[in-house]
All heavy atoms as atom14 arrays in JSON, in Angstrom:
{
  "sequence": "FCMPFVDEELAFVLENLRTPREEMKGEIRWMLSEVGLDLDDPHT",
  "atom14_mask": [
    [1, 1, 1, 1, 1, 1, 1, 1, 1, 1, 1, 0, 0, 0],
    [1, 1, 1, 1, 1, 1, 0, 0, 0, 0, 0, 0, 0, 0],
    [1, 1, 1, 1, 1, 1, 1, 1, 0, 0, 0, 0, 0, 0],
    [1, 1, 1, 1, 1, 1, 1, 0, 0, 0, 0, 0, 0, 0],
    [1, 1, 1, 1, 1, 1, 1, 1, 1, 1, 1, 0, 0, 0],
    [1, 1, 1, 1, 1, 1, 1, 0, 0, 0, 0, 0, 0, 0],
    [1, 1, 1, 1, 1, 1, 1, 1, 0, 0, 0, 0, 0, 0],
    [1, 1, 1, 1, 1, 1, 1, 1, 1, 0, 0, 0, 0, 0],
    [1, 1, 1, 1, 1, 1, 1, 1, 1, 0, 0, 0, 0, 0],
    [1, 1, 1, 1, 1, 1, 1, 1, 0, 0, 0, 0, 0, 0],
    [1, 1, 1, 1, 1, 0, 0, 0, 0, 0, 0, 0, 0, 0],
    [1, 1, 1, 1, 1, 1, 1, 1, 1, 1, 1, 0, 0, 0],
    [1, 1, 1, 1, 1, 1, 1, 0, 0, 0, 0, 0, 0, 0],
    [1, 1, 1, 1, 1, 1, 1, 1, 0, 0, 0, 0, 0, 0],
    [1, 1, 1, 1, 1, 1, 1, 1, 1, 0, 0, 0, 0, 0],
    [1, 1, 1, 1, 1, 1, 1, 1, 0, 0, 0, 0, 0, 0],
    [1, 1, 1, 1, 1, 1, 1, 1, 0, 0, 0, 0, 0, 0],
    [1, 1, 1, 1, 1, 1, 1, 1, 1, 1, 1, 0, 0, 0],
    [1, 1, 1, 1, 1, 1, 1, 0, 0, 0, 0, 0, 0, 0],
    [1, 1, 1, 1, 1, 1, 1, 0, 0, 0, 0, 0, 0, 0],
    [1, 1, 1, 1, 1, 1, 1, 1, 1, 1, 1, 0, 0, 0],
    [1, 1, 1, 1, 1, 1, 1, 1, 1, 0, 0, 0, 0, 0],
    [1, 1, 1, 1, 1, 1, 1, 1, 1, 0, 0, 0, 0, 0],
    [1, 1, 1, 1, 1, 1, 1, 1, 0, 0, 0, 0, 0, 0],
    [1, 1, 1, 1, 1, 1, 1, 1, 1, 0, 0, 0, 0, 0],
    [1, 1, 1, 1, 0, 0, 0, 0, 0, 0, 0, 0, 0, 0],
    [1, 1, 1, 1, 1, 1, 1, 1, 1, 0, 0, 0, 0, 0],
    [1, 1, 1, 1, 1, 1, 1, 1, 0, 0, 0, 0, 0, 0],
    [1, 1, 1, 1, 1, 1, 1, 1, 1, 1, 1, 0, 0, 0],
    [1, 1, 1, 1, 1, 1, 1, 1, 1, 1, 1, 1, 1, 1],
    [1, 1, 1, 1, 1, 1, 1, 1, 0, 0, 0, 0, 0, 0],
    [1, 1, 1, 1, 1, 1, 1, 1, 0, 0, 0, 0, 0, 0],
    [1, 1, 1, 1, 1, 1, 0, 0, 0, 0, 0, 0, 0, 0],
    [1, 1, 1, 1, 1, 1, 1, 1, 1, 0, 0, 0, 0, 0],
    [1, 1, 1, 1, 1, 1, 1, 0, 0, 0, 0, 0, 0, 0],
    [1, 1, 1, 1, 0, 0, 0, 0, 0, 0, 0, 0, 0, 0],
    [1, 1, 1, 1, 1, 1, 1, 1, 0, 0, 0, 0, 0, 0],
    [1, 1, 1, 1, 1, 1, 1, 1, 0, 0, 0, 0, 0, 0],
    [1, 1, 1, 1, 1, 1, 1, 1, 0, 0, 0, 0, 0, 0],
    [1, 1, 1, 1, 1, 1, 1, 1, 0, 0, 0, 0, 0, 0],
    [1, 1, 1, 1, 1, 1, 1, 1, 0, 0, 0, 0, 0, 0],
    [1, 1, 1, 1, 1, 1, 1, 0, 0, 0, 0, 0, 0, 0],
    [1, 1, 1, 1, 1, 1, 1, 1, 1, 1, 0, 0, 0, 0],
    [1, 1, 1, 1, 1, 1, 1, 0, 0, 0, 0, 0, 0, 0]
  ],
  "atom14_positions": [
    [[115.16, 109.24, 102.43], [114.47, 108.33, 103.44], [115.54, 107.82, 104.49], [116.71, 107.48, 104.23], [113.77, 107.07, 102.77], [112.66, 107.53, 101.92], [112.58, 106.92, 100.61], [111.85, 108.49, 102.25], [111.49, 107.25, 99.84], [110.83, 108.86, 101.38], [110.69, 108.25, 100.2], [0.0, 0.0, 0.0], [0.0, 0.0, 0.0], [0.0, 0.0, 0.0]],
    [[115.14, 107.77, 105.81], [116.09, 107.34, 106.84], [115.68, 105.92, 107.47], [116.42, 105.31, 107.94], [116.01, 108.41, 107.96], [116.53, 110.0, 107.57], [0.0, 0.0, 0.0], [0.0, 0.0, 0.0], [0.0, 0.0, 0.0], [0.0, 0.0, 0.0], [0.0, 0.0, 0.0], [0.0, 0.0, 0.0], [0.0, 0.0, 0.0], [0.0, 0.0, 0.0]],
    [[114.42, 105.6, 107.23], [113.84, 104.36, 107.84], [113.3, 103.38, 106.71], [113.08, 103.73, 105.67], [112.72, 104.73, 108.81], [113.11, 105.78, 109.81], [114.38, 105.31, 110.94], [113.59, 104.19, 111.99], [0.0, 0.0, 0.0], [0.0, 0.0, 0.0], [0.0, 0.0, 0.0], [0.0, 0.0, 0.0], [0.0, 0.0, 0.0], [0.0, 0.0, 0.0]],
    [[113.25, 102.06, 107.03], [112.74, 101.13, 106.09], [111.27, 101.05, 105.8], [110.87, 100.61, 104.76], [113.31, 99.86, 106.63], [113.33, 100.04, 108.12], [113.66, 101.46, 108.36], [0.0, 0.0, 0.0], [0.0, 0.0, 0.0], [0.0, 0.0, 0.0], [0.0, 0.0, 0.0], [0.0, 0.0, 0.0], [0.0, 0.0, 0.0], [0.0, 0.0, 0.0]],
    [[110.45, 101.57, 106.83], [108.95, 101.47, 106.59], [108.33, 102.76, 106.46], [108.87, 103.84, 107.13], [108.44, 100.59, 107.78], [108.69, 99.11, 107.79], [109.85, 98.74, 108.37], [107.86, 98.21, 107.14], [110.28, 97.33, 108.42], [108.22, 96.9, 107.17], [109.36, 96.45, 107.8], [0.0, 0.0, 0.0], [0.0, 0.0, 0.0], [0.0, 0.0, 0.0]],
    [[107.21, 102.92, 105.81], [106.52, 104.13, 105.67], [106.22, 104.82, 106.98], [106.5, 105.98, 107.22], [105.17, 103.93, 104.83], [104.31, 105.28, 104.83], [105.54, 103.53, 103.49], [0.0, 0.0, 0.0], [0.0, 0.0, 0.0], [0.0, 0.0, 0.0], [0.0, 0.0, 0.0], [0.0, 0.0, 0.0], [0.0, 0.0, 0.0], [0.0, 0.0, 0.0]],
    [[105.51, 104.07, 107.9], [105.19, 104.72, 109.16], [106.25, 105.08, 110.01], [106.28, 105.96, 110.77], [104.19, 103.84, 109.86], [104.79, 102.44, 110.24], [105.77, 102.11, 109.61], [104.2, 101.6, 111.06], [0.0, 0.0, 0.0], [0.0, 0.0, 0.0], [0.0, 0.0, 0.0], [0.0, 0.0, 0.0], [0.0, 0.0, 0.0], [0.0, 0.0, 0.0]],
    [[107.35, 104.29, 109.99], [108.68, 104.6, 110.77], [109.28, 105.89, 110.16], [109.82, 106.76, 110.89], [109.59, 103.46, 110.71], [109.04, 102.23, 111.44], [110.04, 101.07, 111.39], [111.09, 101.19, 110.6], [109.72, 100.08, 111.86], [0.0, 0.0, 0.0], [0.0, 0.0, 0.0], [0.0, 0.0, 0.0], [0.0, 0.0, 0.0], [0.0, 0.0, 0.0]],
    [[109.27, 106.13, 108.85], [109.73, 107.34, 108.22], [109.11, 108.53, 108.7], [109.73, 109.51, 109.26], [109.67, 107.27, 106.73], [110.19, 108.51, 106.04], [111.73, 108.56, 106.06], [112.43, 107.51, 106.41], [112.29, 109.64, 105.92], [0.0, 0.0, 0.0], [0.0, 0.0, 0.0], [0.0, 0.0, 0.0], [0.0, 0.0, 0.0], [0.0, 0.0, 0.0]],
    [[107.7, 108.53, 108.83], [106.97, 109.62, 109.32], [107.09, 109.83, 110.82], [107.03, 110.91, 111.36], [105.53, 109.48, 108.87], [105.32, 109.59, 107.31], [103.85, 109.3, 107.02], [105.72, 110.93, 106.85], [0.0, 0.0, 0.0], [0.0, 0.0, 0.0], [0.0, 0.0, 0.0], [0.0, 0.0, 0.0], [0.0, 0.0, 0.0], [0.0, 0.0, 0.0]],
    [[107.12, 108.67, 111.52], [107.33, 108.65, 112.93], [108.65, 109.32, 113.35], [108.78, 109.95, 114.44], [107.17, 107.23, 113.54], [0.0, 0.0, 0.0], [0.0, 0.0, 0.0], [0.0, 0.0, 0.0], [0.0, 0.0, 0.0], [0.0, 0.0, 0.0], [0.0, 0.0, 0.0], [0.0, 0.0, 0.0], [0.0, 0.0, 0.0], [0.0, 0.0, 0.0]],
    [[109.65, 109.1, 112.54], [110.97, 109.7, 112.76], [110.86, 111.21, 112.9], [111.48, 111.9, 113.74], [111.99, 109.15, 111.68], [113.3, 109.74, 111.88], [114.18, 109.33, 112.95], [113.76, 110.72, 111.05], [115.42, 109.87, 112.91], [115.08, 111.24, 111.23], [115.91, 110.77, 112.15], [0.0, 0.0, 0.0], [0.0, 0.0, 0.0], [0.0, 0.0, 0.0]],
    [[110.07, 111.76, 111.95], [109.88, 113.15, 111.83], [109.08, 113.55, 113.09], [109.46, 114.61, 113.77], [109.1, 113.46, 110.6], [108.83, 115.11, 110.56], [109.85, 113.21, 109.24], [0.0, 0.0, 0.0], [0.0, 0.0, 0.0], [0.0, 0.0, 0.0], [0.0, 0.0, 0.0], [0.0, 0.0, 0.0], [0.0, 0.0, 0.0], [0.0, 0.0, 0.0]],
    [[107.98, 112.93, 113.45], [107.18, 113.28, 114.55], [107.89, 113.19, 115.88], [107.66, 114.05, 116.82], [105.94, 112.38, 114.56], [104.96, 112.52, 113.32], [103.93, 111.63, 113.51], [104.49, 114.01, 113.29], [0.0, 0.0, 0.0], [0.0, 0.0, 0.0], [0.0, 0.0, 0.0], [0.0, 0.0, 0.0], [0.0, 0.0, 0.0], [0.0, 0.0, 0.0]],
    [[108.72, 112.28, 115.91], [109.59, 112.12, 117.22], [110.43, 113.3, 117.45], [110.72, 113.86, 118.5], [110.46, 110.81, 117.21], [109.73, 109.57, 117.44], [110.56, 108.29, 117.19], [111.69, 108.45, 116.67], [110.01, 107.17, 117.49], [0.0, 0.0, 0.0], [0.0, 0.0, 0.0], [0.0, 0.0, 0.0], [0.0, 0.0, 0.0], [0.0, 0.0, 0.0]],
    [[111.1, 113.92, 116.31], [111.9, 115.05, 116.37], [111.06, 116.33, 116.74], [111.58, 117.24, 117.13], [112.66, 115.18, 115.08], [113.91, 114.28, 114.96], [114.89, 114.55, 115.38], [113.73, 113.25, 114.17], [0.0, 0.0, 0.0], [0.0, 0.0, 0.0], [0.0, 0.0, 0.0], [0.0, 0.0, 0.0], [0.0, 0.0, 0.0], [0.0, 0.0, 0.0]],
    [[109.74, 116.25, 116.37], [108.94, 117.31, 116.81], [108.26, 117.17, 118.16], [107.45, 117.88, 118.69], [107.8, 117.53, 115.78], [108.29, 117.89, 114.42], [107.08, 117.84, 113.36], [108.77, 119.25, 114.35], [0.0, 0.0, 0.0], [0.0, 0.0, 0.0], [0.0, 0.0, 0.0], [0.0, 0.0, 0.0], [0.0, 0.0, 0.0], [0.0, 0.0, 0.0]],
    [[108.69, 116.02, 118.91], [108.23, 115.75, 120.22], [106.67, 115.49, 120.22], [105.97, 115.89, 121.21], [108.62, 116.83, 121.22], [110.14, 116.92, 121.25], [110.42, 117.96, 122.42], [111.93, 118.06, 122.52], [112.5, 119.01, 123.35], [111.84, 119.69, 124.18], [113.8, 119.08, 123.43], [0.0, 0.0, 0.0], [0.0, 0.0, 0.0], [0.0, 0.0, 0.0]],
    [[106.18, 114.85, 119.25], [104.69, 114.51, 119.11], [104.47, 113.38, 120.09], [105.27, 112.45, 120.05], [104.27, 114.17, 117.68], [104.64, 115.2, 116.82], [102.78, 113.8, 117.62], [0.0, 0.0, 0.0], [0.0, 0.0, 0.0], [0.0, 0.0, 0.0], [0.0, 0.0, 0.0], [0.0, 0.0, 0.0], [0.0, 0.0, 0.0], [0.0, 0.0, 0.0]],
    [[103.49, 113.43, 120.99], [103.14, 112.38, 121.81], [102.94, 111.09, 121.07], [102.26, 111.01, 120.12], [101.93, 112.87, 122.59], [101.96, 114.35, 122.49], [102.51, 114.68, 121.19], [0.0, 0.0, 0.0], [0.0, 0.0, 0.0], [0.0, 0.0, 0.0], [0.0, 0.0, 0.0], [0.0, 0.0, 0.0], [0.0, 0.0, 0.0], [0.0, 0.0, 0.0]],
    [[103.45, 110.0, 121.71], [103.27, 108.7, 120.93], [101.78, 108.31, 120.59], [101.57, 107.78, 119.51], [103.9, 107.6, 121.84], [104.06, 106.27, 121.06], [104.78, 105.25, 121.96], [105.01, 104.03, 121.28], [106.02, 103.74, 120.5], [106.96, 104.65, 120.41], [106.27, 102.52, 119.89], [0.0, 0.0, 0.0], [0.0, 0.0, 0.0], [0.0, 0.0, 0.0]],
    [[100.89, 108.65, 121.48], [99.49, 108.18, 121.3], [98.93, 109.01, 120.15], [97.76, 108.58, 119.62], [98.76, 108.39, 122.62], [98.59, 109.79, 123.07], [99.86, 110.05, 124.09], [100.83, 109.25, 124.04], [99.75, 111.15, 124.77], [0.0, 0.0, 0.0], [0.0, 0.0, 0.0], [0.0, 0.0, 0.0], [0.0, 0.0, 0.0], [0.0, 0.0, 0.0]],
    [[99.54, 110.12, 119.75], [98.94, 110.98, 118.62], [99.57, 110.54, 117.28], [99.11, 111.04, 116.22], [99.19, 112.38, 118.84], [98.5, 112.89, 120.22], [98.78, 114.38, 120.4], [99.36, 115.09, 119.5], [98.48, 114.92, 121.55], [0.0, 0.0, 0.0], [0.0, 0.0, 0.0], [0.0, 0.0, 0.0], [0.0, 0.0, 0.0], [0.0, 0.0, 0.0]],
    [[100.72, 109.8, 117.37], [101.37, 109.58, 116.11], [100.58, 108.79, 114.98], [100.7, 109.18, 113.87], [102.73, 108.74, 116.34], [103.77, 109.67, 116.98], [105.28, 108.75, 117.08], [106.33, 110.0, 117.79], [0.0, 0.0, 0.0], [0.0, 0.0, 0.0], [0.0, 0.0, 0.0], [0.0, 0.0, 0.0], [0.0, 0.0, 0.0], [0.0, 0.0, 0.0]],
    [[99.84, 107.77, 115.39], [99.12, 106.97, 114.47], [98.12, 107.77, 113.68], [98.05, 107.76, 112.36], [98.52, 105.74, 115.19], [97.82, 104.82, 114.14], [97.19, 103.6, 114.79], [98.28, 102.73, 115.35], [97.79, 101.39, 115.84], [0.0, 0.0, 0.0], [0.0, 0.0, 0.0], [0.0, 0.0, 0.0], [0.0, 0.0, 0.0], [0.0, 0.0, 0.0]],
    [[97.42, 108.67, 114.34], [96.43, 109.4, 113.73], [97.13, 110.51, 112.78], [96.66, 110.74, 111.57], [0.0, 0.0, 0.0], [0.0, 0.0, 0.0], [0.0, 0.0, 0.0], [0.0, 0.0, 0.0], [0.0, 0.0, 0.0], [0.0, 0.0, 0.0], [0.0, 0.0, 0.0], [0.0, 0.0, 0.0], [0.0, 0.0, 0.0], [0.0, 0.0, 0.0]],
    [[98.21, 111.11, 113.24], [99.05, 111.99, 112.47], [99.63, 111.36, 111.16], [99.51, 111.98, 110.13], [100.17, 112.6, 113.24], [99.76, 113.69, 114.34], [99.69, 115.05, 113.71], [100.44, 115.54, 112.95], [98.52, 115.52, 113.84], [0.0, 0.0, 0.0], [0.0, 0.0, 0.0], [0.0, 0.0, 0.0], [0.0, 0.0, 0.0], [0.0, 0.0, 0.0]],
    [[100.05, 110.25, 111.23], [100.63, 109.6, 110.16], [99.54, 109.24, 109.08], [99.66, 109.54, 107.93], [101.28, 108.17, 110.58], [102.6, 108.55, 111.34], [101.61, 107.27, 109.31], [103.1, 107.31, 111.96], [0.0, 0.0, 0.0], [0.0, 0.0, 0.0], [0.0, 0.0, 0.0], [0.0, 0.0, 0.0], [0.0, 0.0, 0.0], [0.0, 0.0, 0.0]],
    [[98.31, 108.76, 109.53], [97.22, 108.52, 108.66], [96.8, 109.79, 107.92], [96.48, 109.83, 106.68], [96.04, 107.93, 109.43], [96.25, 106.47, 109.91], [95.94, 105.52, 108.85], [96.0, 104.16, 109.23], [95.96, 103.08, 108.54], [95.84, 103.26, 107.14], [95.92, 101.8, 108.96], [0.0, 0.0, 0.0], [0.0, 0.0, 0.0], [0.0, 0.0, 0.0]],
    [[96.79, 110.9, 108.76], [96.45, 112.19, 108.12], [97.3, 112.66, 107.08], [96.91, 113.16, 106.01], [96.28, 113.21, 109.26], [95.9, 114.54, 108.78], [94.65, 115.01, 108.33], [96.84, 115.59, 108.48], [94.75, 116.28, 107.88], [95.98, 116.8, 108.0], [98.16, 115.88, 108.7], [96.63, 117.97, 107.57], [98.74, 117.09, 108.37], [97.99, 118.12, 107.71]],
    [[98.65, 112.6, 107.38], [99.77, 113.08, 106.36], [99.66, 112.19, 105.12], [99.78, 112.71, 104.02], [100.96, 112.87, 107.08], [101.28, 113.97, 108.1], [103.04, 113.99, 108.7], [103.0, 112.55, 109.78], [0.0, 0.0, 0.0], [0.0, 0.0, 0.0], [0.0, 0.0, 0.0], [0.0, 0.0, 0.0], [0.0, 0.0, 0.0], [0.0, 0.0, 0.0]],
    [[99.38, 110.9, 105.16], [99.43, 110.05, 104.03], [98.23, 110.39, 103.19], [98.23, 110.43, 102.0], [99.35, 108.5, 104.39], [100.67, 108.0, 105.09], [100.49, 106.59, 105.5], [101.91, 108.17, 104.12], [0.0, 0.0, 0.0], [0.0, 0.0, 0.0], [0.0, 0.0, 0.0], [0.0, 0.0, 0.0], [0.0, 0.0, 0.0], [0.0, 0.0, 0.0]],
    [[96.99, 110.71, 103.93], [95.8, 111.05, 103.21], [95.93, 112.33, 102.5], [95.48, 112.57, 101.35], [94.69, 111.09, 104.2], [93.6, 111.64, 103.66], [0.0, 0.0, 0.0], [0.0, 0.0, 0.0], [0.0, 0.0, 0.0], [0.0, 0.0, 0.0], [0.0, 0.0, 0.0], [0.0, 0.0, 0.0], [0.0, 0.0, 0.0], [0.0, 0.0, 0.0]],
    [[96.66, 113.32, 103.05], [96.88, 114.71, 102.53], [97.6, 114.63, 101.15], [97.4, 115.36, 100.28], [97.7, 115.57, 103.51], [96.82, 116.16, 104.54], [95.82, 117.12, 104.11], [96.08, 118.11, 103.55], [94.58, 116.71, 104.23], [0.0, 0.0, 0.0], [0.0, 0.0, 0.0], [0.0, 0.0, 0.0], [0.0, 0.0, 0.0], [0.0, 0.0, 0.0]],
    [[98.56, 113.68, 101.07], [99.23, 113.6, 99.66], [98.8, 112.52, 98.83], [99.33, 112.22, 97.77], [100.79, 113.37, 99.96], [101.41, 114.44, 100.76], [101.1, 112.06, 100.77], [0.0, 0.0, 0.0], [0.0, 0.0, 0.0], [0.0, 0.0, 0.0], [0.0, 0.0, 0.0], [0.0, 0.0, 0.0], [0.0, 0.0, 0.0], [0.0, 0.0, 0.0]],
    [[97.67, 111.84, 99.2], [97.09, 110.83, 98.45], [97.74, 109.54, 98.36], [97.74, 108.75, 97.3], [0.0, 0.0, 0.0], [0.0, 0.0, 0.0], [0.0, 0.0, 0.0], [0.0, 0.0, 0.0], [0.0, 0.0, 0.0], [0.0, 0.0, 0.0], [0.0, 0.0, 0.0], [0.0, 0.0, 0.0], [0.0, 0.0, 0.0], [0.0, 0.0, 0.0]],
    [[98.51, 109.12, 99.38], [99.3, 107.81, 99.48], [98.41, 106.92, 100.15], [98.42, 106.69, 101.41], [100.62, 108.08, 100.24], [101.58, 106.79, 100.18], [101.7, 106.17, 98.84], [102.89, 107.17, 100.85], [0.0, 0.0, 0.0], [0.0, 0.0, 0.0], [0.0, 0.0, 0.0], [0.0, 0.0, 0.0], [0.0, 0.0, 0.0], [0.0, 0.0, 0.0]],
    [[97.62, 106.08, 99.31], [96.69, 105.12, 99.88], [97.32, 103.85, 100.18], [97.67, 103.09, 99.26], [95.46, 105.09, 98.92], [94.77, 106.29, 98.76], [94.66, 107.06, 99.63], [94.44, 106.56, 97.48], [0.0, 0.0, 0.0], [0.0, 0.0, 0.0], [0.0, 0.0, 0.0], [0.0, 0.0, 0.0], [0.0, 0.0, 0.0], [0.0, 0.0, 0.0]],
    [[97.51, 103.44, 101.44], [98.13, 102.11, 101.79], [97.17, 101.41, 102.71], [96.59, 101.95, 103.68], [99.35, 102.42, 102.47], [100.54, 103.09, 101.62], [101.71, 103.39, 102.6], [100.98, 102.22, 100.45], [0.0, 0.0, 0.0], [0.0, 0.0, 0.0], [0.0, 0.0, 0.0], [0.0, 0.0, 0.0], [0.0, 0.0, 0.0], [0.0, 0.0, 0.0]],
    [[97.12, 100.14, 102.56], [96.19, 99.3, 103.45], [96.7, 99.29, 104.77], [96.11, 99.21, 105.74], [96.06, 97.81, 102.85], [95.31, 97.76, 101.57], [94.37, 98.65, 101.33], [95.47, 96.92, 100.72], [0.0, 0.0, 0.0], [0.0, 0.0, 0.0], [0.0, 0.0, 0.0], [0.0, 0.0, 0.0], [0.0, 0.0, 0.0], [0.0, 0.0, 0.0]],
    [[98.19, 99.3, 104.87], [98.9, 99.29, 106.15], [100.07, 100.21, 105.98], [100.94, 100.02, 105.16], [99.32, 97.83, 106.36], [100.13, 97.72, 107.73], [100.14, 98.72, 108.41], [100.68, 96.59, 108.0], [0.0, 0.0, 0.0], [0.0, 0.0, 0.0], [0.0, 0.0, 0.0], [0.0, 0.0, 0.0], [0.0, 0.0, 0.0], [0.0, 0.0, 0.0]],
    [[100.03, 101.16, 106.87], [101.26, 102.17, 106.81], [102.61, 101.48, 107.13], [103.65, 102.13, 106.71], [100.96, 103.27, 107.85], [99.41, 103.13, 107.97], [99.09, 101.74, 107.8], [0.0, 0.0, 0.0], [0.0, 0.0, 0.0], [0.0, 0.0, 0.0], [0.0, 0.0, 0.0], [0.0, 0.0, 0.0], [0.0, 0.0, 0.0], [0.0, 0.0, 0.0]],
    [[102.54, 100.37, 107.78], [103.7, 99.66, 108.08], [104.15, 98.88, 106.83], [104.18, 97.63, 106.83], [103.64, 98.76, 109.39], [104.91, 98.25, 109.83], [105.96, 99.11, 110.32], [105.44, 96.91, 109.96], [106.89, 98.37, 110.77], [106.66, 97.12, 110.66], [0.0, 0.0, 0.0], [0.0, 0.0, 0.0], [0.0, 0.0, 0.0], [0.0, 0.0, 0.0]],
    [[104.41, 99.52, 105.75], [104.77, 98.94, 104.42], [106.2, 99.32, 104.15], [106.63, 100.49, 104.4], [103.84, 99.52, 103.29], [102.59, 99.03, 103.57], [104.3, 98.96, 101.99], [0.0, 0.0, 0.0], [0.0, 0.0, 0.0], [0.0, 0.0, 0.0], [0.0, 0.0, 0.0], [0.0, 0.0, 0.0], [0.0, 0.0, 0.0], [0.0, 0.0, 0.0]]
  ]
}
């Protein structure tokens, strides 16, 4: 892990892939859902 928060960890990956900022929140939710990581708030 490189970042202190869940969403920031995944956003770090997406930034390196040049994912548009407005798409990141949906991408993060989708990735967490795919692996079954159920969080009330991704900024955990």
